[in-house]
């Protein structure tokens, strides 16, 4: 696992715990239900970093990530 995947796992666990009404500690900070938006923002950031590390994300075209193929329907194929 990379650092990004480790951090994503921690943020997912923290989000789940907060949604269950528990408190979560990150270093010296205690997070509660009112900190849910903070944890969700962190989770989205780490999800983006994990996605950027995947080989498919690196190979995808830079113009929106859409791929297409061309079909020929004429008889001169």
C-alpha atoms as a PDB file:
ATOM      1  CA  UNK A   1       0.000   0.000   0.000  1.00  0.00           C
ATOM      2  CA  UNK A   2       1.136   3.504  -0.705  1.00  0.00           C
ATOM      3  CA  UNK A   3       0.925   6.450   1.631  1.00  0.00           C
ATOM      4  CA  UNK A   4      -2.097   7.724  -0.321  1.00  0.00           C
ATOM      5  CA  UNK A   5      -3.991   4.447   0.057  1.00  0.00           C
ATOM      6  CA  UNK A   6      -3.113   4.306   3.764  1.00  0.00           C
ATOM      7  CA  UNK A   7      -4.409   7.835   4.292  1.00  0.00           C
ATOM      8  CA  UNK A   8      -7.547   7.121   2.291  1.00  0.00           C
ATOM      9  CA  UNK A   9      -8.244   4.093   4.481  1.00  0.00           C
ATOM     10  CA  UNK A  10      -7.831   6.229   7.615  1.00  0.00           C
ATOM     11  CA  UNK A  11     -10.185   8.908   6.305  1.00  0.00           C
ATOM     12  CA  UNK A  12     -12.775   6.296   5.312  1.00  0.00           C
ATOM     13  CA  UNK A  13     -12.576   4.746   8.786  1.00  0.00           C
ATOM     14  CA  UNK A  14     -12.861   8.182  10.408  1.00  0.00           C
ATOM     15  CA  UNK A  15     -15.874   9.101   8.275  1.00  0.00           C
ATOM     16  CA  UNK A  16     -17.585   5.831   9.145  1.00  0.00           C
ATOM     17  CA  UNK A  17     -16.886   6.269  12.857  1.00  0.00           C
ATOM     18  CA  UNK A  18     -18.167   9.848  12.864  1.00  0.00           C
ATOM     19  CA  UNK A  19     -21.330   8.789  11.049  1.00  0.00           C
ATOM     20  CA  UNK A  20     -21.837   6.142  13.754  1.00  0.00           C
ATOM     21  CA  UNK A  21     -21.635   8.861  16.400  1.00  0.00           C
ATOM     22  CA  UNK A  22     -18.145   8.076  17.629  1.00  0.00           C
ATOM     23  CA  UNK A  23     -15.176  10.371  18.128  1.00  0.00           C
ATOM     24  CA  UNK A  24     -11.993   9.961  16.114  1.00  0.00           C
ATOM     25  CA  UNK A  25      -8.466  11.113  16.912  1.00  0.00           C
ATOM     26  CA  UNK A  26      -6.038  12.300  14.239  1.00  0.00           C
ATOM     27  CA  UNK A  27      -2.749  13.065  15.972  1.00  0.00           C
ATOM     28  CA  UNK A  28      -3.743  15.508  18.750  1.00  0.00           C
ATOM     29  CA  UNK A  29      -7.116  16.494  17.257  1.00  0.00           C
ATOM     30  CA  UNK A  30     -10.438  14.928  18.273  1.00  0.00           C
ATOM     31  CA  UNK A  31     -13.085  14.921  15.553  1.00  0.00           C
ATOM     32  CA  UNK A  32     -16.825  14.666  16.150  1.00  0.00           C
ATOM     33  CA  UNK A  33     -19.989  14.877  14.064  1.00  0.00           C
ATOM     34  CA  UNK A  34     -19.545  18.617  13.475  1.00  0.00           C
ATOM     35  CA  UNK A  35     -16.171  17.851  11.825  1.00  0.00           C
ATOM     36  CA  UNK A  36     -17.724  15.536   9.224  1.00  0.00           C
ATOM     37  CA  UNK A  37     -17.295  18.049   6.372  1.00  0.00           C
ATOM     38  CA  UNK A  38     -13.575  18.330   7.207  1.00  0.00           C
ATOM     39  CA  UNK A  39     -13.156  14.548   7.108  1.00  0.00           C
ATOM     40  CA  UNK A  40     -15.137  14.227   3.869  1.00  0.00           C
ATOM     41  CA  UNK A  41     -12.994  16.904   2.210  1.00  0.00           C
ATOM     42  CA  UNK A  42      -9.863  15.032   3.292  1.00  0.00           C
ATOM     43  CA  UNK A  43     -11.283  11.770   1.970  1.00  0.00           C
ATOM     44  CA  UNK A  44     -11.994  13.332  -1.432  1.00  0.00           C
ATOM     45  CA  UNK A  45      -8.453  14.698  -1.580  1.00  0.00           C
ATOM     46  CA  UNK A  46      -6.906  11.304  -0.836  1.00  0.00           C
ATOM     47  CA  UNK A  47      -9.272   9.555  -3.277  1.00  0.00           C
ATOM     48  CA  UNK A  48      -7.990  11.884  -5.993  1.00  0.00           C
ATOM     49  CA  UNK A  49      -4.387  11.119  -5.061  1.00  0.00           C
ATOM     50  CA  UNK A  50      -5.013   7.363  -5.122  1.00  0.00           C
ATOM     51  CA  UNK A  51      -6.747   7.682  -8.498  1.00  0.00           C
ATOM     52  CA  UNK A  52      -3.788   9.655  -9.853  1.00  0.00           C
ATOM     53  CA  UNK A  53      -1.431   6.845  -8.824  1.00  0.00           C
ATOM     54  CA  UNK A  54      -3.245   4.138 -10.785  1.00  0.00           C
ATOM     55  CA  UNK A  55      -1.765   3.143 -14.147  1.00  0.00           C
ATOM     56  CA  UNK A  56      -5.104   3.698 -15.950  1.00  0.00           C
ATOM     57  CA  UNK A  57      -5.226   7.293 -14.743  1.00  0.00           C
ATOM     58  CA  UNK A  58      -1.719   7.934 -16.039  1.00  0.00           C
ATOM     59  CA  UNK A  59      -2.456   6.382 -19.451  1.00  0.00           C
ATOM     60  CA  UNK A  60      -5.806   8.129 -19.978  1.00  0.00           C
ATOM     61  CA  UNK A  61      -5.936  10.932 -22.524  1.00  0.00           C
ATOM     62  CA  UNK A  62      -5.742  14.425 -21.062  1.00  0.00           C
ATOM     63  CA  UNK A  63      -8.792  15.805 -22.897  1.00  0.00           C
ATOM     64  CA  UNK A  64     -11.436  14.568 -20.494  1.00  0.00           C
ATOM     65  CA  UNK A  65     -10.538  10.934 -20.187  1.00  0.00           C
ATOM     66  CA  UNK A  66     -13.024   9.697 -22.785  1.00  0.00           C
ATOM     67  CA  UNK A  67     -12.071   6.884 -25.088  1.00  0.00           C
ATOM     68  CA  UNK A  68     -13.774   6.086 -28.346  1.00  0.00           C
ATOM     69  CA  UNK A  69     -13.600   3.672 -31.250  1.00  0.00           C
ATOM     70  CA  UNK A  70     -14.502   4.046 -34.887  1.00  0.00           C
ATOM     71  CA  UNK A  71     -16.864   1.691 -36.709  1.00  0.00           C
ATOM     72  CA  UNK A  72     -17.185   1.472 -40.490  1.00  0.00           C
ATOM     73  CA  UNK A  73     -20.575   0.448 -41.804  1.00  0.00           C
ATOM     74  CA  UNK A  74     -19.906   0.627 -45.575  1.00  0.00           C
ATOM     75  CA  UNK A  75     -19.322  -2.369 -47.817  1.00  0.00           C
ATOM     76  CA  UNK A  76     -15.785  -1.233 -48.722  1.00  0.00           C
ATOM     77  CA  UNK A  77     -14.368  -2.446 -45.419  1.00  0.00           C
END
